[in-house]
Amino acid sequence: MKNSNEEFYWCLQLIRQISPSEREFEDLSARSLTIFEPSESSPISRFSPEPIAHMRKIEMTSANQKVSQSRQKLTELPLEIIKSLTEYLLEELGDPSTQLEQEALQALQSGDYDSAKRFCLYDPCNSYLAAISCIASAYRSPMVADSVLRDAARHTCNVAKQRAEVRIARQFQQILS
């Protein structure tokens, strides 16, 4: 177990990493110095809850600021690119194998993106429906189209894998019988 000075130094380093400003760091380190009580218990229990809660709040604020900054840098994919990518994904998905998949595809093709997404809720483990839902999201929110089309591609790959598994199993059954 670390001695008290090492643990305190570690805590100060943690505060320095998550603190958004030097003033906040000075404030937290000064408050931590006054409440540090050496004992054999865990380092977290040596601090009163108030500075720890404050550190968590600072950490969340810092994380939220990073997310906000990255969202400001987002650019919309042009509609032509979204359309080309989705057409390719739909070609790879192939024909739907269930009535639910057929209805979701029809909703997507008719431009009813909310309904197309809703069909995924009826069978959340269905990769075909998940791909349709992601494609619908790309049209509804072009700012995040790159992310949801990546997810649609992953779900499309799952559909292709499942179909290949079925073909291989059928071929094995045919050969072995």
Protein backbone atom coordinates (compact mmCIF):
# COMPACT_ATOMS: atom_id res chain seq x y z
CA MET A 1 0.00 0.00 0.00
CA LYS A 2 1.26 3.46 -0.79
CA ASN A 3 2.09 5.76 2.04
CA SER A 4 -0.02 8.83 2.72
CA ASN A 5 2.21 11.28 0.85
CA GLU A 6 2.24 9.14 -2.30
CA GLU A 7 -1.53 8.78 -2.25
CA PHE A 8 -2.02 12.49 -1.75
CA TYR A 9 0.36 13.24 -4.63
CA TRP A 10 -1.59 10.79 -6.81
CA CYS A 11 -4.86 12.55 -5.96
CA LEU A 12 -3.38 15.94 -6.78
CA GLN A 13 -2.20 14.61 -10.14
CA LEU A 14 -5.70 13.30 -10.82
CA ILE A 15 -7.18 16.69 -9.97
CA ARG A 16 -4.66 18.39 -12.25
CA GLN A 17 -5.63 16.09 -15.16
CA ILE A 18 -9.37 16.65 -14.95
CA SER A 19 -9.44 20.26 -13.84
CA PRO A 20 -10.38 22.63 -16.67
CA SER A 21 -8.50 25.59 -15.19
CA GLU A 22 -5.54 26.31 -12.96
CA ARG A 23 -7.80 28.26 -10.58
CA GLU A 24 -10.03 25.22 -10.10
CA PHE A 25 -6.91 23.12 -9.42
CA GLU A 26 -5.64 25.51 -6.77
CA ASP A 27 -9.06 25.63 -5.13
CA LEU A 28 -9.40 21.82 -5.06
CA SER A 29 -5.86 21.15 -3.90
CA ALA A 30 -6.20 23.68 -1.07
CA ARG A 31 -9.47 22.09 0.09
CA SER A 32 -7.95 18.60 -0.20
CA LEU A 33 -5.00 19.57 1.97
CA THR A 34 -7.32 20.62 4.77
CA ILE A 35 -9.35 17.41 4.80
CA PHE A 36 -6.67 14.79 4.19
CA GLU A 37 -6.65 12.31 7.05
CA PRO A 38 -4.06 9.50 6.92
CA SER A 39 -5.48 6.08 7.74
CA GLU A 40 -5.25 2.48 6.56
CA SER A 41 -8.50 2.69 4.59
CA SER A 42 -8.76 3.31 0.86
CA PRO A 43 -7.54 6.63 -0.58
CA ILE A 44 -11.08 7.63 -1.61
CA SER A 45 -12.41 7.36 1.94
CA ARG A 46 -9.78 9.83 3.16
CA PHE A 47 -11.53 12.71 1.47
CA SER A 48 -14.82 14.15 2.41
CA PRO A 49 -17.57 13.56 -0.18
CA GLU A 50 -17.80 17.22 -1.16
CA PRO A 51 -14.41 17.54 -2.95
CA ILE A 52 -14.85 14.11 -4.55
CA ALA A 53 -18.27 15.11 -5.87
CA HIS A 54 -16.75 18.37 -7.07
CA MET A 55 -13.97 16.45 -8.87
CA ARG A 56 -16.59 14.25 -10.58
CA LYS A 57 -18.55 17.33 -11.61
CA ILE A 58 -15.40 18.86 -13.09
CA GLU A 59 -14.66 15.60 -14.91
CA MET A 60 -18.19 15.48 -16.38
CA THR A 61 -18.02 19.15 -17.36
CA SER A 62 -14.73 18.54 -19.11
CA ALA A 63 -16.14 15.50 -20.94
CA ASN A 64 -19.26 17.45 -21.97
CA GLN A 65 -17.10 20.28 -23.30
CA LYS A 66 -15.10 17.81 -25.40
CA VAL A 67 -18.30 16.33 -26.85
CA SER A 68 -19.67 19.79 -27.62
CA GLN A 69 -16.44 20.80 -29.33
CA SER A 70 -16.43 17.70 -31.50
CA ARG A 71 -20.10 18.22 -32.45
CA GLN A 72 -19.30 21.74 -33.61
CA LYS A 73 -16.78 20.26 -36.05
CA LEU A 74 -19.33 17.93 -37.68
CA THR A 75 -20.12 18.50 -41.31
CA GLU A 76 -23.02 17.08 -43.20
CA LEU A 77 -22.37 14.43 -45.78
CA PRO A 78 -23.77 15.51 -49.13
CA LEU A 79 -27.10 13.87 -49.93
CA GLU A 80 -25.66 12.31 -53.11
CA ILE A 81 -23.01 10.48 -51.08
CA ILE A 82 -25.56 9.32 -48.51
CA LYS A 83 -27.78 8.07 -51.32
CA SER A 84 -24.90 6.22 -53.04
CA LEU A 85 -23.77 4.58 -49.82
CA THR A 86 -27.28 3.54 -48.83
CA GLU A 87 -28.03 2.15 -52.29
CA TYR A 88 -24.91 0.01 -52.03
CA LEU A 89 -25.84 -1.18 -48.54
CA LEU A 90 -29.37 -2.05 -49.68
CA GLU A 91 -27.92 -3.99 -52.61
CA GLU A 92 -25.69 -5.91 -50.20
CA LEU A 93 -28.60 -6.55 -47.82
CA GLY A 94 -30.51 -8.20 -50.63
CA ASP A 95 -34.12 -9.28 -50.43
CA PRO A 96 -35.82 -9.30 -47.04
CA SER A 97 -36.50 -12.73 -45.62
CA THR A 98 -39.45 -11.88 -43.37
CA GLN A 99 -42.64 -9.84 -43.64
CA LEU A 100 -41.36 -7.42 -40.99
CA GLU A 101 -38.15 -6.83 -42.97
CA GLN A 102 -40.20 -6.30 -46.14
CA GLU A 103 -42.38 -3.69 -44.42
CA ALA A 104 -39.34 -1.88 -43.01
CA LEU A 105 -37.71 -1.80 -46.44
CA GLN A 106 -40.90 -0.46 -48.03
CA ALA A 107 -41.15 2.27 -45.39
CA LEU A 108 -37.54 3.27 -46.04
CA GLN A 109 -38.02 3.31 -49.82
CA SER A 110 -41.17 5.42 -49.48
CA GLY A 111 -39.31 8.00 -47.35
CA ASP A 112 -41.12 7.18 -44.11
CA TYR A 113 -37.92 7.13 -42.04
CA ASP A 114 -39.65 7.20 -38.65
CA SER A 115 -41.63 4.05 -39.47
CA ALA A 116 -38.57 2.37 -40.93
CA LYS A 117 -36.72 3.00 -37.68
CA ARG A 118 -39.67 1.85 -35.58
CA PHE A 119 -39.70 -1.59 -37.25
CA CYS A 120 -36.32 -2.27 -35.65
CA LEU A 121 -37.99 -2.11 -32.24
CA TYR A 122 -40.18 -5.11 -33.09
CA ASP A 123 -37.10 -7.33 -33.42
CA PRO A 124 -34.06 -5.53 -31.97
CA CYS A 125 -31.72 -8.49 -32.57
CA ASN A 126 -32.46 -8.59 -36.31
CA SER A 127 -29.42 -7.24 -38.18
CA TYR A 128 -31.42 -6.58 -41.36
CA LEU A 129 -33.85 -4.34 -39.46
CA ALA A 130 -30.98 -2.66 -37.61
CA ALA A 131 -29.31 -1.83 -40.94
CA ILE A 132 -32.59 -0.40 -42.27
CA SER A 133 -32.94 1.68 -39.09
CA CYS A 134 -29.40 3.06 -39.43
CA ILE A 135 -29.97 3.91 -43.09
CA ALA A 136 -33.16 5.76 -42.14
CA SER A 137 -31.19 7.67 -39.49
CA ALA A 138 -28.65 8.74 -42.11
CA TYR A 139 -31.41 10.41 -44.11
CA ARG A 140 -33.07 11.94 -41.03
CA SER A 141 -29.84 13.33 -39.57
CA PRO A 142 -27.18 14.04 -42.21
CA MET A 143 -24.90 15.51 -39.51
CA VAL A 144 -24.32 12.04 -38.09
CA ALA A 145 -24.69 10.10 -41.33
CA ASP A 146 -21.07 8.99 -41.28
CA SER A 147 -21.53 7.28 -37.92
CA VAL A 148 -24.88 5.65 -38.60
CA LEU A 149 -23.80 4.47 -42.06
CA ARG A 150 -20.79 2.82 -40.45
CA ASP A 151 -23.20 1.04 -38.12
CA ALA A 152 -25.43 0.14 -41.07
CA ALA A 153 -22.40 -1.36 -42.81
CA ARG A 154 -21.61 -3.43 -39.73
CA HIS A 155 -25.19 -4.73 -39.57
CA THR A 156 -25.12 -5.45 -43.30
CA CYS A 157 -21.96 -7.52 -42.76
CA ASN A 158 -23.79 -9.45 -40.04
CA VAL A 159 -26.63 -10.20 -42.47
CA ALA A 160 -24.15 -11.43 -45.09
CA LYS A 161 -22.39 -13.58 -42.48
CA GLN A 162 -25.68 -15.11 -41.30
CA ARG A 163 -26.68 -15.90 -44.88
CA ALA A 164 -23.29 -17.47 -45.58
CA GLU A 165 -23.63 -19.61 -42.44
CA VAL A 166 -27.04 -20.84 -43.60
CA ARG A 167 -25.69 -21.66 -47.09
CA ILE A 168 -22.71 -23.53 -45.64
CA ALA A 169 -24.91 -25.48 -43.21
CA ARG A 170 -27.29 -26.47 -46.03
CA GLN A 171 -24.39 -27.56 -48.21
CA PHE A 172 -22.90 -29.65 -45.38
CA GLN A 173 -26.30 -31.26 -44.72
CA GLN A 174 -26.70 -32.06 -48.41
CA ILE A 175 -23.24 -33.59 -48.69
CA LEU A 176 -23.55 -35.60 -45.49
CA SER A 177 -27.02 -37.03 -46.22
